Amino acid sequence: EGLKSEDLEEYLSGPFTVVIKESCDGMGDVSEKHGSGPAVPEKAVRFSFTVMNISVPNKNGSVRIFEEAKPNSELCCKPLCLMLADESDHETLTAILSPLIAEREAMKSSELMLEIGGILRNFKFIFRGTGYDEKLVREVEGLEASGSIFICTLCDATRLEASQNLVFHSITRSHSENLQRYETWRANPYHESADELRDRVKGVSAKPFIETLPSIDALHCDIGNAAEFYKIFQLEIGEVYKNPNATKEERKKWSTILDKHLRKKMNLKPIMRMNGNFARK
């Protein structure tokens, strides 16, 4: 159909380039609410993929013969692996997903031959690991959890550095570098202390096993922005530019004033502010 719509010969054998988006996320609590079920983890994780687009080379360059109209719809997001495991359990996740990742690595450098419409056609695959939230990116890339001083999954900035530099940022982390850092962390070739070693590997503390692409979805932008603006509004209420050395008690007072205002004017419960479920409503 795609070849017809682009006025291309139907007997083209390719190579067709298929771009696939990978997603993986915890599905939360799947336990029985009553009764005594089997002794398995009561959480589930789903690894799924979406065919984003298919293109074929042409004399004028590359022609896209298929593009997913609703790439974020659950209708085109096909589950590949459903597992009863906790997404925070690095060992179980690695054990279950490793064969799948090995298969994917093999597909990156090979071509698939399929007979479609009586013609043998070959397909190449490009994988984009963009469907991961920050928690899972940290998990599969071997980084420390989100409370770490290494605040960013894209660069080596610490919390302090990030707070002092609000303008110049660039993506410096990569999967291959994380793997090298893991080996350094494991072997400690320079015989450094725990703190020195941690600073050298910039928060890598487990073996990375899935390559992810840096991205952020609208939901987490909202949660991050809410947190950031909440801080800014507090500082504005306290006129911190006049009094940069305010005490803890004074800062607490600014927070209380802002919370009261949010309750009264916007009917918001400030305690729910940073909650993911609240942002999803």
Protein backbone atom coordinates (compact mmCIF):
# COMPACT_ATOMS: atom_id res chain seq x y z
CA GLU A 1 0.00 0.00 0.00
CA GLY A 2 2.80 2.39 0.96
CA LEU A 3 4.68 1.71 -2.28
CA LYS A 4 1.50 2.34 -4.32
CA SER A 5 0.72 5.60 -2.51
CA GLU A 6 4.24 6.90 -3.26
CA ASP A 7 4.00 5.82 -6.94
CA LEU A 8 6.84 3.33 -6.51
CA GLU A 9 7.21 -0.04 -8.21
CA GLU A 10 5.44 -2.74 -6.21
CA TYR A 11 8.18 -5.27 -6.96
CA LEU A 12 10.91 -3.28 -5.12
CA SER A 13 12.96 -5.65 -2.98
CA GLY A 14 14.41 -2.97 -0.70
CA PRO A 15 16.40 -2.53 1.39
CA PHE A 16 13.55 -1.21 3.54
CA THR A 17 14.70 0.67 6.65
CA VAL A 18 12.42 0.15 9.65
CA VAL A 19 12.66 2.52 12.64
CA ILE A 20 11.47 0.92 15.87
CA LYS A 21 10.80 2.71 19.14
CA GLU A 22 11.43 0.62 22.25
CA SER A 23 9.60 1.19 25.50
CA CYS A 24 9.86 -0.38 28.91
CA ASP A 25 8.06 0.55 32.10
CA GLY A 26 6.84 -0.90 35.36
CA MET A 27 3.11 -1.67 35.44
CA GLY A 28 2.84 -1.25 39.20
CA ASP A 29 1.10 -3.55 41.61
CA VAL A 30 -0.56 -6.59 40.01
CA SER A 31 -1.16 -8.56 43.20
CA GLU A 32 -4.36 -10.37 44.05
CA LYS A 33 -6.38 -8.22 46.38
CA HIS A 34 -7.53 -11.31 48.30
CA GLY A 35 -6.69 -14.99 48.32
CA SER A 36 -3.24 -16.54 48.49
CA GLY A 37 -1.66 -16.56 45.05
CA PRO A 38 1.71 -17.97 43.96
CA ALA A 39 4.93 -16.75 45.57
CA VAL A 40 6.01 -14.43 42.74
CA PRO A 41 6.83 -10.70 42.80
CA GLU A 42 3.61 -8.74 42.85
CA LYS A 43 4.80 -6.18 40.33
CA ALA A 44 5.01 -6.42 36.55
CA VAL A 45 7.25 -4.89 33.87
CA ARG A 46 6.36 -4.60 30.18
CA PHE A 47 8.89 -4.29 27.36
CA SER A 48 7.22 -3.23 24.11
CA PHE A 49 7.96 -1.76 20.69
CA THR A 50 6.31 0.47 18.09
CA VAL A 51 7.06 0.49 14.35
CA MET A 52 7.52 4.24 13.80
CA ASN A 53 8.23 4.40 10.06
CA ILE A 54 9.48 2.42 7.06
CA SER A 55 11.47 4.01 4.24
CA VAL A 56 13.06 2.78 1.02
CA PRO A 57 15.91 4.33 -1.03
CA ASN A 58 14.94 6.04 -4.27
CA LYS A 59 16.88 7.94 -6.92
CA ASN A 60 15.82 11.20 -5.22
CA GLY A 61 16.91 10.02 -1.77
CA SER A 62 14.86 8.10 0.75
CA VAL A 63 11.06 7.78 0.46
CA ARG A 64 8.92 7.09 3.53
CA ILE A 65 6.28 4.49 2.65
CA PHE A 66 4.84 4.10 6.14
CA GLU A 67 4.60 6.40 9.15
CA GLU A 68 2.71 5.67 12.35
CA ALA A 69 0.02 8.34 12.67
CA LYS A 70 -0.35 7.97 16.46
CA PRO A 71 3.05 6.79 17.73
CA ASN A 72 2.09 7.22 21.40
CA SER A 73 -1.15 5.26 21.14
CA GLU A 74 -1.34 1.96 23.02
CA LEU A 75 -2.96 0.44 19.91
CA CYS A 76 0.35 0.40 18.00
CA CYS A 77 2.56 -0.32 21.02
CA LYS A 78 3.10 -4.08 20.82
CA PRO A 79 4.16 -5.92 24.00
CA LEU A 80 7.20 -8.10 23.44
CA CYS A 81 7.88 -9.27 26.97
CA LEU A 82 5.67 -9.20 30.06
CA MET A 83 7.46 -10.17 33.26
CA LEU A 84 6.53 -10.54 36.89
CA ALA A 85 9.40 -8.55 38.36
CA ASP A 86 10.13 -5.30 40.13
CA GLU A 87 11.62 -2.67 37.79
CA SER A 88 14.08 -1.80 40.60
CA ASP A 89 15.45 -5.36 40.67
CA HIS A 90 18.51 -5.00 38.43
CA GLU A 91 19.49 -8.68 38.51
CA THR A 92 16.05 -10.06 37.54
CA LEU A 93 15.58 -7.43 34.84
CA THR A 94 19.02 -8.22 33.38
CA ALA A 95 18.41 -11.98 33.44
CA ILE A 96 15.02 -11.75 31.69
CA LEU A 97 15.83 -9.05 29.13
CA SER A 98 19.42 -10.03 28.21
CA PRO A 99 18.44 -12.61 25.52
CA LEU A 100 16.06 -10.06 24.00
CA ILE A 101 18.76 -7.36 23.97
CA ALA A 102 21.28 -9.81 22.43
CA GLU A 103 18.75 -10.51 19.66
CA ARG A 104 18.32 -6.78 19.09
CA GLU A 105 22.09 -6.22 18.89
CA ALA A 106 22.30 -8.96 16.24
CA MET A 107 19.44 -7.35 14.26
CA LYS A 108 21.26 -4.00 14.20
CA SER A 109 24.02 -5.36 12.00
CA SER A 110 22.05 -7.85 9.88
CA GLU A 111 19.19 -7.83 7.38
CA LEU A 112 15.90 -9.69 7.56
CA MET A 113 14.66 -11.38 4.36
CA LEU A 114 10.87 -11.74 4.11
CA GLU A 115 8.69 -12.90 1.25
CA ILE A 116 5.89 -10.34 0.83
CA GLY A 117 3.59 -10.41 -2.19
CA GLY A 118 5.63 -13.23 -3.73
CA ILE A 119 8.83 -11.14 -3.72
CA LEU A 120 11.78 -11.62 -1.36
CA ARG A 121 12.35 -8.24 0.33
CA ASN A 122 15.08 -7.27 2.77
CA PHE A 123 14.69 -5.12 5.87
CA LYS A 124 17.20 -3.23 8.01
CA PHE A 125 16.33 -2.13 11.53
CA ILE A 126 17.12 1.01 13.51
CA PHE A 127 16.23 0.90 17.20
CA ARG A 128 15.40 4.00 19.24
CA GLY A 129 15.26 3.41 22.99
CA THR A 130 13.17 6.47 23.85
CA GLY A 131 10.24 4.94 25.76
CA TYR A 132 11.93 4.83 29.16
CA ASP A 133 11.26 7.08 32.14
CA GLU A 134 14.15 8.44 34.23
CA LYS A 135 13.90 5.67 36.82
CA LEU A 136 14.28 2.95 34.20
CA VAL A 137 17.00 4.83 32.27
CA ARG A 138 19.03 4.90 35.48
CA GLU A 139 18.31 1.21 36.04
CA VAL A 140 19.27 -0.08 32.57
CA GLU A 141 22.21 2.31 32.06
CA GLY A 142 23.75 1.29 35.40
CA LEU A 143 23.42 4.71 37.06
CA GLU A 144 22.70 5.45 40.71
CA ALA A 145 19.04 6.06 41.66
CA SER A 146 17.44 9.50 41.29
CA GLY A 147 18.49 10.65 44.79
CA SER A 148 22.14 10.61 43.62
CA ILE A 149 24.26 13.79 43.61
CA PHE A 150 24.78 13.03 39.90
CA ILE A 151 21.44 14.56 39.04
CA CYS A 152 21.43 14.11 35.27
CA THR A 153 21.16 10.99 33.07
CA LEU A 154 22.47 12.98 30.08
CA CYS A 155 25.61 14.63 31.50
CA ASP A 156 28.00 14.41 34.46
CA ALA A 157 26.64 17.43 36.36
CA THR A 158 26.22 17.20 40.12
CA ARG A 159 23.30 18.88 41.91
CA LEU A 160 25.54 21.76 42.94
CA GLU A 161 26.94 22.29 39.42
CA ALA A 162 23.45 22.14 37.91
CA SER A 163 22.11 24.73 40.37
CA GLN A 164 24.96 27.13 39.55
CA ASN A 165 24.74 26.66 35.78
CA LEU A 166 21.26 27.19 34.39
CA VAL A 167 22.30 27.94 30.80
CA PHE A 168 25.07 25.82 29.28
CA HIS A 169 24.27 22.12 29.06
CA SER A 170 25.20 19.42 26.59
CA ILE A 171 24.61 15.68 26.33
CA THR A 172 27.90 13.99 27.25
CA ARG A 173 26.92 10.57 28.63
CA SER A 174 26.74 7.58 26.28
CA HIS A 175 26.07 3.86 26.64
CA SER A 176 29.63 2.88 25.65
CA GLU A 177 31.12 5.36 28.13
CA ASN A 178 28.84 4.02 30.89
CA LEU A 179 30.15 0.50 30.12
CA GLN A 180 33.77 1.71 30.37
CA ARG A 181 33.00 3.47 33.65
CA TYR A 182 31.39 0.32 35.04
CA GLU A 183 34.60 -1.62 34.29
CA THR A 184 36.60 1.12 36.07
CA TRP A 185 34.21 0.98 39.04
CA ARG A 186 34.45 -2.83 39.17
CA ALA A 187 38.23 -3.12 38.81
CA ASN A 188 39.34 0.14 40.52
CA PRO A 189 42.62 0.18 38.49
CA TYR A 190 43.95 3.32 40.23
CA HIS A 191 43.33 1.92 43.76
CA GLU A 192 41.26 4.94 44.79
CA SER A 193 39.06 5.38 47.85
CA ALA A 194 35.29 4.80 47.49
CA ASP A 195 34.57 8.55 47.18
CA GLU A 196 37.34 9.16 44.63
CA LEU A 197 36.23 6.16 42.58
CA ARG A 198 32.59 7.28 42.64
CA ASP A 199 33.63 10.72 41.43
CA ARG A 200 35.69 9.17 38.63
CA VAL A 201 32.82 7.01 37.30
CA LYS A 202 30.21 9.78 37.82
CA GLY A 203 27.60 7.62 39.51
CA VAL A 204 27.83 4.45 37.37
CA SER A 205 27.52 1.56 39.82
CA ALA A 206 25.99 -1.37 37.90
CA LYS A 207 26.52 -2.90 34.46
CA PRO A 208 24.57 -1.01 31.75
CA PHE A 209 22.68 -3.49 29.56
CA ILE A 210 20.26 -1.49 27.37
CA GLU A 211 21.25 1.49 25.23
CA THR A 212 18.71 4.29 25.66
CA LEU A 213 18.30 7.53 23.73
CA PRO A 214 18.03 10.75 25.71
CA SER A 215 14.47 12.05 25.76
CA ILE A 216 11.87 13.43 28.14
CA ASP A 217 8.10 13.15 27.86
CA ALA A 218 5.56 15.90 28.50
CA LEU A 219 4.44 14.42 31.82
CA HIS A 220 7.90 14.51 33.37
CA CYS A 221 8.48 17.99 31.94
CA ASP A 222 5.35 19.07 33.82
CA ILE A 223 6.48 17.45 37.07
CA GLY A 224 9.98 18.95 36.75
CA ASN A 225 8.62 22.39 35.86
CA ALA A 226 6.17 22.32 38.78
CA ALA A 227 9.02 21.59 41.18
CA GLU A 228 11.23 24.30 39.69
CA PHE A 229 8.54 27.00 39.59
CA TYR A 230 7.49 26.16 43.14
CA LYS A 231 11.05 26.96 44.28
CA ILE A 232 11.16 30.17 42.21
CA PHE A 233 7.80 31.42 43.59
CA GLN A 234 9.02 30.83 47.15
CA LEU A 235 12.18 32.86 46.50
CA GLU A 236 10.10 35.66 44.96
CA ILE A 237 7.76 35.74 47.99
CA GLY A 238 10.76 36.06 50.32
CA GLU A 239 12.47 38.62 48.02
CA VAL A 240 15.63 36.55 48.26
CA TYR A 241 17.51 38.97 45.98
CA LYS A 242 17.41 41.45 48.91
CA ASN A 243 18.22 38.85 51.55
CA PRO A 244 20.25 35.93 50.12
CA ASN A 245 21.20 34.61 53.58
CA ALA A 246 17.68 33.89 54.85
CA THR A 247 17.33 31.38 57.70
CA LYS A 248 15.61 28.01 57.46
CA GLU A 249 12.65 29.33 59.47
CA GLU A 250 12.15 32.25 57.08
CA ARG A 251 12.25 29.94 54.05
CA LYS A 252 9.69 27.66 55.74
CA LYS A 253 7.45 30.72 56.17
CA TRP A 254 7.66 31.52 52.44
CA SER A 255 6.68 27.94 51.65
CA THR A 256 3.65 28.17 53.98
CA ILE A 257 2.49 31.45 52.36
CA LEU A 258 2.75 29.89 48.88
CA ASP A 259 0.91 26.72 49.98
CA LYS A 260 -1.93 28.81 51.44
CA HIS A 261 -2.19 30.77 48.20
CA LEU A 262 -2.27 27.58 46.08
CA ARG A 263 -5.03 26.14 48.27
CA LYS A 264 -7.13 29.30 48.24
CA LYS A 265 -6.74 30.58 44.68
CA MET A 266 -6.12 27.40 42.67
CA ASN A 267 -7.78 24.76 44.82
CA LEU A 268 -4.56 22.71 44.78
CA LYS A 269 -3.32 20.45 47.55
CA PRO A 270 0.38 21.40 47.67
CA ILE A 271 1.32 18.04 49.18
CA MET A 272 0.23 16.43 45.88
CA ARG A 273 2.23 18.86 43.76
CA MET A 274 5.12 16.66 42.65
CA ASN A 275 3.16 13.44 42.52
CA GLY A 276 3.14 11.70 39.13
CA ASN A 277 -0.47 10.59 39.49
CA PHE A 278 -1.53 14.18 40.24
CA ALA A 279 0.17 15.41 37.04
CA ARG A 280 -1.54 12.64 35.06
CA LYS A 281 -5.06 13.79 36.02
